Amino acid sequence: MAVVKTGEFSSYSTEMIDYHRSMQVWLWDAGPTEPDLPLPPEPPDGKAGEPRYDLAVIQFGRKLAAYKESLIRYERDLDEFNEWTRQNGGPIEQKFWSTDARDALINDRRAVEQGRQRRRRWYLSSRTRGHSDLPNGGLPAGATPGHGHQANLERQIAGEKEFLAARKSDPVFSE
């Protein structure tokens, strides 16, 4: 990567814009995985009044409280999953700075390795500079972009058209 010094680029140069683009990375967001329902704890065996049974009842109470917390987390995660699926309907591309993309990919891989996720959520897109040869645009085999991705592309195109129209009408920057 080139070292940029202050004042290195003239005000008329596009080199800084190109350098800026080289630090951008496109990642596919495959979305959250549908959460698994937590398993309820097993009730204790034995008779009331026996010390081992009474201890097991206390432990069961703690496990039951943890189970209730797990159900609340499950409900929140299921709501997030359903909302993301409704909005996007499948993978969408997101633009990152290179350092943030690296962190997202590393943390995503670690979450899968540690069993906190069933599958990866982030994938490098072929839209990223130097990665145009990725199969399926960088998505896993068989995956297709969701309707949210198309909506994002349409917004980007509309924004670029608006910028070009504004630039044409500006007396300083129009050519």
C-alpha atoms as a PDB file:
ATOM      1  CA  MET A   1       0.000   0.000   0.000  1.00  0.00           C
ATOM      2  CA  ALA A   2       1.302   3.446  -0.863  1.00  0.00           C
ATOM      3  CA  VAL A   3       2.289   5.871   1.883  1.00  0.00           C
ATOM      4  CA  VAL A   4       0.404   9.140   1.555  1.00  0.00           C
ATOM      5  CA  LYS A   5       2.084  12.337   2.748  1.00  0.00           C
ATOM      6  CA  THR A   6       0.207  15.512   3.602  1.00  0.00           C
ATOM      7  CA  GLY A   7      -0.040  17.798   0.570  1.00  0.00           C
ATOM      8  CA  GLU A   8       1.049  15.048  -1.804  1.00  0.00           C
ATOM      9  CA  PHE A   9      -2.034  15.415  -4.008  1.00  0.00           C
ATOM     10  CA  SER A  10      -2.925  18.529  -5.911  1.00  0.00           C
ATOM     11  CA  SER A  11      -6.453  19.909  -5.590  1.00  0.00           C
ATOM     12  CA  TYR A  12      -7.140  18.839  -9.193  1.00  0.00           C
ATOM     13  CA  SER A  13      -5.898  15.259  -8.770  1.00  0.00           C
ATOM     14  CA  THR A  14      -8.150  12.232  -8.677  1.00  0.00           C
ATOM     15  CA  GLU A  15      -5.385  10.115  -7.142  1.00  0.00           C
ATOM     16  CA  MET A  16      -6.726  10.638  -3.610  1.00  0.00           C
ATOM     17  CA  ILE A  17     -10.181   9.496  -4.704  1.00  0.00           C
ATOM     18  CA  ASP A  18      -8.664   6.339  -6.209  1.00  0.00           C
ATOM     19  CA  TYR A  19      -6.615   5.762  -3.044  1.00  0.00           C
ATOM     20  CA  HIS A  20      -9.802   6.224  -1.011  1.00  0.00           C
ATOM     21  CA  ARG A  21     -11.600   3.593  -3.134  1.00  0.00           C
ATOM     22  CA  SER A  22      -8.763   1.098  -2.646  1.00  0.00           C
ATOM     23  CA  MET A  23      -9.502   1.064   1.097  1.00  0.00           C
ATOM     24  CA  GLN A  24     -13.134   0.063   0.530  1.00  0.00           C
ATOM     25  CA  VAL A  25     -14.221  -3.572   0.697  1.00  0.00           C
ATOM     26  CA  TRP A  26     -17.589  -5.024  -0.234  1.00  0.00           C
ATOM     27  CA  LEU A  27     -18.899  -7.885   1.892  1.00  0.00           C
ATOM     28  CA  TRP A  28     -22.005  -9.987   1.474  1.00  0.00           C
ATOM     29  CA  ASP A  29     -24.155 -10.031   4.586  1.00  0.00           C
ATOM     30  CA  ALA A  30     -25.902 -13.417   4.588  1.00  0.00           C
ATOM     31  CA  GLY A  31     -27.908 -12.353   7.627  1.00  0.00           C
ATOM     32  CA  PRO A  32     -28.388 -13.910  11.009  1.00  0.00           C
ATOM     33  CA  THR A  33     -29.125 -17.606  11.385  1.00  0.00           C
ATOM     34  CA  GLU A  34     -32.477 -18.720  12.694  1.00  0.00           C
ATOM     35  CA  PRO A  35     -31.989 -19.335  16.422  1.00  0.00           C
ATOM     36  CA  ASP A  36     -32.448 -22.710  18.073  1.00  0.00           C
ATOM     37  CA  LEU A  37     -34.990 -23.137  20.850  1.00  0.00           C
ATOM     38  CA  PRO A  38     -33.296 -23.669  24.205  1.00  0.00           C
ATOM     39  CA  LEU A  39     -33.793 -27.003  25.929  1.00  0.00           C
ATOM     40  CA  PRO A  40     -35.608 -27.000  29.285  1.00  0.00           C
ATOM     41  CA  PRO A  41     -33.743 -28.396  32.314  1.00  0.00           C
ATOM     42  CA  GLU A  42     -34.526 -31.880  33.607  1.00  0.00           C
ATOM     43  CA  PRO A  43     -36.495 -31.877  36.891  1.00  0.00           C
ATOM     44  CA  PRO A  44     -34.741 -33.573  39.834  1.00  0.00           C
ATOM     45  CA  ASP A  45     -35.443 -37.162  40.910  1.00  0.00           C
ATOM     46  CA  GLY A  46     -35.968 -38.193  44.526  1.00  0.00           C
ATOM     47  CA  LYS A  47     -38.081 -37.356  47.553  1.00  0.00           C
ATOM     48  CA  ALA A  48     -38.585 -34.084  49.392  1.00  0.00           C
ATOM     49  CA  GLY A  49     -36.633 -34.012  52.635  1.00  0.00           C
ATOM     50  CA  GLU A  50     -33.640 -35.939  51.273  1.00  0.00           C
ATOM     51  CA  PRO A  51     -30.555 -33.665  51.240  1.00  0.00           C
ATOM     52  CA  ARG A  52     -29.480 -34.644  47.694  1.00  0.00           C
ATOM     53  CA  TYR A  53     -32.987 -34.044  46.353  1.00  0.00           C
ATOM     54  CA  ASP A  54     -33.296 -30.673  48.174  1.00  0.00           C
ATOM     55  CA  LEU A  55     -29.945 -29.594  46.721  1.00  0.00           C
ATOM     56  CA  ALA A  56     -31.082 -30.768  43.265  1.00  0.00           C
ATOM     57  CA  VAL A  57     -34.264 -28.660  43.655  1.00  0.00           C
ATOM     58  CA  ILE A  58     -32.136 -25.555  44.383  1.00  0.00           C
ATOM     59  CA  GLN A  59     -29.928 -26.290  41.369  1.00  0.00           C
ATOM     60  CA  PHE A  60     -33.022 -26.913  39.249  1.00  0.00           C
ATOM     61  CA  GLY A  61     -34.335 -23.474  40.273  1.00  0.00           C
ATOM     62  CA  ARG A  62     -31.124 -21.859  39.002  1.00  0.00           C
ATOM     63  CA  LYS A  63     -31.280 -23.848  35.766  1.00  0.00           C
ATOM     64  CA  LEU A  64     -34.925 -22.855  35.338  1.00  0.00           C
ATOM     65  CA  ALA A  65     -34.036 -19.155  35.747  1.00  0.00           C
ATOM     66  CA  ALA A  66     -31.261 -19.543  33.138  1.00  0.00           C
ATOM     67  CA  TYR A  67     -33.748 -21.323  30.846  1.00  0.00           C
ATOM     68  CA  LYS A  68     -36.176 -18.396  31.125  1.00  0.00           C
ATOM     69  CA  GLU A  69     -33.369 -15.985  30.206  1.00  0.00           C
ATOM     70  CA  SER A  70     -32.533 -18.218  27.237  1.00  0.00           C
ATOM     71  CA  LEU A  71     -36.152 -18.065  26.087  1.00  0.00           C
ATOM     72  CA  ILE A  72     -36.076 -14.259  26.248  1.00  0.00           C
ATOM     73  CA  ARG A  73     -32.827 -14.239  24.195  1.00  0.00           C
ATOM     74  CA  TYR A  74     -34.394 -16.694  21.747  1.00  0.00           C
ATOM     75  CA  GLU A  75     -37.431 -14.433  21.307  1.00  0.00           C
ATOM     76  CA  ARG A  76     -35.190 -11.401  20.653  1.00  0.00           C
ATOM     77  CA  ASP A  77     -32.971 -13.319  18.205  1.00  0.00           C
ATOM     78  CA  LEU A  78     -35.992 -14.764  16.389  1.00  0.00           C
ATOM     79  CA  ASP A  79     -37.483 -11.264  16.019  1.00  0.00           C
ATOM     80  CA  GLU A  80     -34.159 -10.019  14.608  1.00  0.00           C
ATOM     81  CA  PHE A  81     -33.967 -12.968  12.195  1.00  0.00           C
ATOM     82  CA  ASN A  82     -37.550 -12.498  10.990  1.00  0.00           C
ATOM     83  CA  GLU A  83     -37.161  -8.731  10.542  1.00  0.00           C
ATOM     84  CA  TRP A  84     -33.875  -9.080   8.623  1.00  0.00           C
ATOM     85  CA  THR A  85     -35.418 -11.776   6.397  1.00  0.00           C
ATOM     86  CA  ARG A  86     -38.509  -9.654   5.746  1.00  0.00           C
ATOM     87  CA  GLN A  87     -36.460  -6.577   4.849  1.00  0.00           C
ATOM     88  CA  ASN A  88     -33.795  -8.263   2.723  1.00  0.00           C
ATOM     89  CA  GLY A  89     -35.018 -11.699   1.668  1.00  0.00           C
ATOM     90  CA  GLY A  90     -31.451 -12.957   1.333  1.00  0.00           C
ATOM     91  CA  PRO A  91     -27.848 -11.750   1.149  1.00  0.00           C
ATOM     92  CA  ILE A  92     -27.099  -8.064   0.607  1.00  0.00           C
ATOM     93  CA  GLU A  93     -23.829  -6.258  -0.100  1.00  0.00           C
ATOM     94  CA  GLN A  94     -22.408  -3.821   2.422  1.00  0.00           C
ATOM     95  CA  LYS A  95     -19.492  -1.432   1.985  1.00  0.00           C
ATOM     96  CA  PHE A  96     -16.758  -1.484   4.658  1.00  0.00           C
ATOM     97  CA  TRP A  97     -13.398   0.138   5.213  1.00  0.00           C
ATOM     98  CA  SER A  98     -10.699  -2.507   4.811  1.00  0.00           C
ATOM     99  CA  THR A  99      -9.893  -2.667   8.541  1.00  0.00           C
ATOM    100  CA  ASP A 100     -13.556  -3.067   9.502  1.00  0.00           C
ATOM    101  CA  ALA A 101     -14.061  -5.766   6.851  1.00  0.00           C
ATOM    102  CA  ARG A 102     -11.069  -7.656   8.185  1.00  0.00           C
ATOM    103  CA  ASP A 103     -12.473  -7.503  11.730  1.00  0.00           C
ATOM    104  CA  ALA A 104     -15.918  -8.639  10.549  1.00  0.00           C
ATOM    105  CA  LEU A 105     -14.475 -11.645   8.689  1.00  0.00           C
ATOM    106  CA  ILE A 106     -12.168 -12.656  11.565  1.00  0.00           C
ATOM    107  CA  ASN A 107     -14.865 -12.299  14.225  1.00  0.00           C
ATOM    108  CA  ASP A 108     -17.360 -14.153  12.052  1.00  0.00           C
ATOM    109  CA  ARG A 109     -14.974 -17.083  11.553  1.00  0.00           C
ATOM    110  CA  ARG A 110     -14.210 -17.159  15.286  1.00  0.00           C
ATOM    111  CA  ALA A 111     -17.920 -17.224  16.174  1.00  0.00           C
ATOM    112  CA  VAL A 112     -18.423 -20.282  13.952  1.00  0.00           C
ATOM    113  CA  GLU A 113     -15.336 -22.034  15.382  1.00  0.00           C
ATOM    114  CA  GLN A 114     -16.520 -21.367  18.955  1.00  0.00           C
ATOM    115  CA  GLY A 115     -20.022 -22.605  18.190  1.00  0.00           C
ATOM    116  CA  ARG A 116     -21.752 -19.248  18.742  1.00  0.00           C
ATOM    117  CA  GLN A 117     -22.986 -19.345  15.107  1.00  0.00           C
ATOM    118  CA  ARG A 118     -23.895 -22.279  12.870  1.00  0.00           C
ATOM    119  CA  ARG A 119     -22.609 -20.663   9.675  1.00  0.00           C
ATOM    120  CA  ARG A 120     -20.668 -17.646   8.484  1.00  0.00           C
ATOM    121  CA  ARG A 121     -22.565 -14.409   8.039  1.00  0.00           C
ATOM    122  CA  TRP A 122     -19.994 -12.355   6.052  1.00  0.00           C
ATOM    123  CA  TYR A 123     -18.433 -13.214   2.658  1.00  0.00           C
ATOM    124  CA  LEU A 124     -16.033 -11.219   0.490  1.00  0.00           C
ATOM    125  CA  SER A 125     -17.831  -9.855  -2.581  1.00  0.00           C
ATOM    126  CA  SER A 126     -16.442  -9.993  -6.098  1.00  0.00           C
ATOM    127  CA  ARG A 127     -17.262  -6.276  -6.242  1.00  0.00           C
ATOM    128  CA  THR A 128     -14.195  -5.692  -4.052  1.00  0.00           C
ATOM    129  CA  ARG A 129     -11.195  -4.432  -5.991  1.00  0.00           C
ATOM    130  CA  GLY A 130      -8.934  -7.340  -7.006  1.00  0.00           C
ATOM    131  CA  HIS A 131     -11.520 -10.055  -6.304  1.00  0.00           C
ATOM    132  CA  SER A 132     -13.655  -9.978  -9.451  1.00  0.00           C
ATOM    133  CA  ASP A 133     -12.919 -13.664 -10.143  1.00  0.00           C
ATOM    134  CA  LEU A 134     -14.773 -15.004  -7.074  1.00  0.00           C
ATOM    135  CA  PRO A 135     -17.372 -17.617  -8.072  1.00  0.00           C
ATOM    136  CA  ASN A 136     -21.038 -16.682  -7.567  1.00  0.00           C
ATOM    137  CA  GLY A 137     -20.016 -13.092  -6.857  1.00  0.00           C
ATOM    138  CA  GLY A 138     -18.440 -14.211  -3.578  1.00  0.00           C
ATOM    139  CA  LEU A 139     -21.607 -15.810  -2.228  1.00  0.00           C
ATOM    140  CA  PRO A 140     -21.615 -19.450  -1.100  1.00  0.00           C
ATOM    141  CA  ALA A 141     -22.613 -21.975  -3.751  1.00  0.00           C
ATOM    142  CA  GLY A 142     -26.351 -21.920  -4.423  1.00  0.00           C
ATOM    143  CA  ALA A 143     -26.973 -18.606  -2.630  1.00  0.00           C
ATOM    144  CA  THR A 144     -28.629 -15.730  -4.490  1.00  0.00           C
ATOM    145  CA  PRO A 145     -28.933 -12.058  -3.508  1.00  0.00           C
ATOM    146  CA  GLY A 146     -32.114 -11.041  -1.702  1.00  0.00           C
ATOM    147  CA  HIS A 147     -34.624  -8.416  -2.813  1.00  0.00           C
ATOM    148  CA  GLY A 148     -32.972  -5.977  -0.364  1.00  0.00           C
ATOM    149  CA  HIS A 149     -29.780  -6.144  -2.425  1.00  0.00           C
ATOM    150  CA  GLN A 150     -31.616  -5.026  -5.561  1.00  0.00           C
ATOM    151  CA  ALA A 151     -33.232  -2.175  -3.611  1.00  0.00           C
ATOM    152  CA  ASN A 152     -29.772  -1.075  -2.409  1.00  0.00           C
ATOM    153  CA  LEU A 153     -28.425  -1.093  -5.980  1.00  0.00           C
ATOM    154  CA  GLU A 154     -31.364   0.992  -7.180  1.00  0.00           C
ATOM    155  CA  ARG A 155     -30.721   3.542  -4.392  1.00  0.00           C
ATOM    156  CA  GLN A 156     -27.023   3.712  -5.337  1.00  0.00           C
ATOM    157  CA  ILE A 157     -27.845   4.321  -9.001  1.00  0.00           C
ATOM    158  CA  ALA A 158     -30.405   7.000  -8.104  1.00  0.00           C
ATOM    159  CA  GLY A 159     -27.837   8.695  -5.853  1.00  0.00           C
ATOM    160  CA  GLU A 160     -25.194   8.685  -8.582  1.00  0.00           C
ATOM    161  CA  LYS A 161     -27.662  10.134 -11.104  1.00  0.00           C
ATOM    162  CA  GLU A 162     -28.642  12.859  -8.639  1.00  0.00           C
ATOM    163  CA  PHE A 163     -24.973  13.688  -8.018  1.00  0.00           C
ATOM    164  CA  LEU A 164     -24.221  13.906 -11.753  1.00  0.00           C
ATOM    165  CA  ALA A 165     -27.251  16.151 -12.320  1.00  0.00           C
ATOM    166  CA  ALA A 166     -26.176  18.435  -9.476  1.00  0.00           C
ATOM    167  CA  ARG A 167     -22.632  18.539 -10.813  1.00  0.00           C
ATOM    168  CA  LYS A 168     -23.868  19.492 -14.327  1.00  0.00           C
ATOM    169  CA  SER A 169     -25.933  22.327 -12.939  1.00  0.00           C
ATOM    170  CA  ASP A 170     -23.124  23.693 -10.765  1.00  0.00           C
ATOM    171  CA  PRO A 171     -21.290  26.587 -12.467  1.00  0.00           C
ATOM    172  CA  VAL A 172     -17.969  25.761 -10.797  1.00  0.00           C
ATOM    173  CA  PHE A 173     -17.761  22.003 -11.323  1.00  0.00           C
ATOM    174  CA  SER A 174     -19.653  21.544 -14.591  1.00  0.00           C
ATOM    175  CA  GLU A 175     -17.524  21.078 -17.664  1.00  0.00           C
END
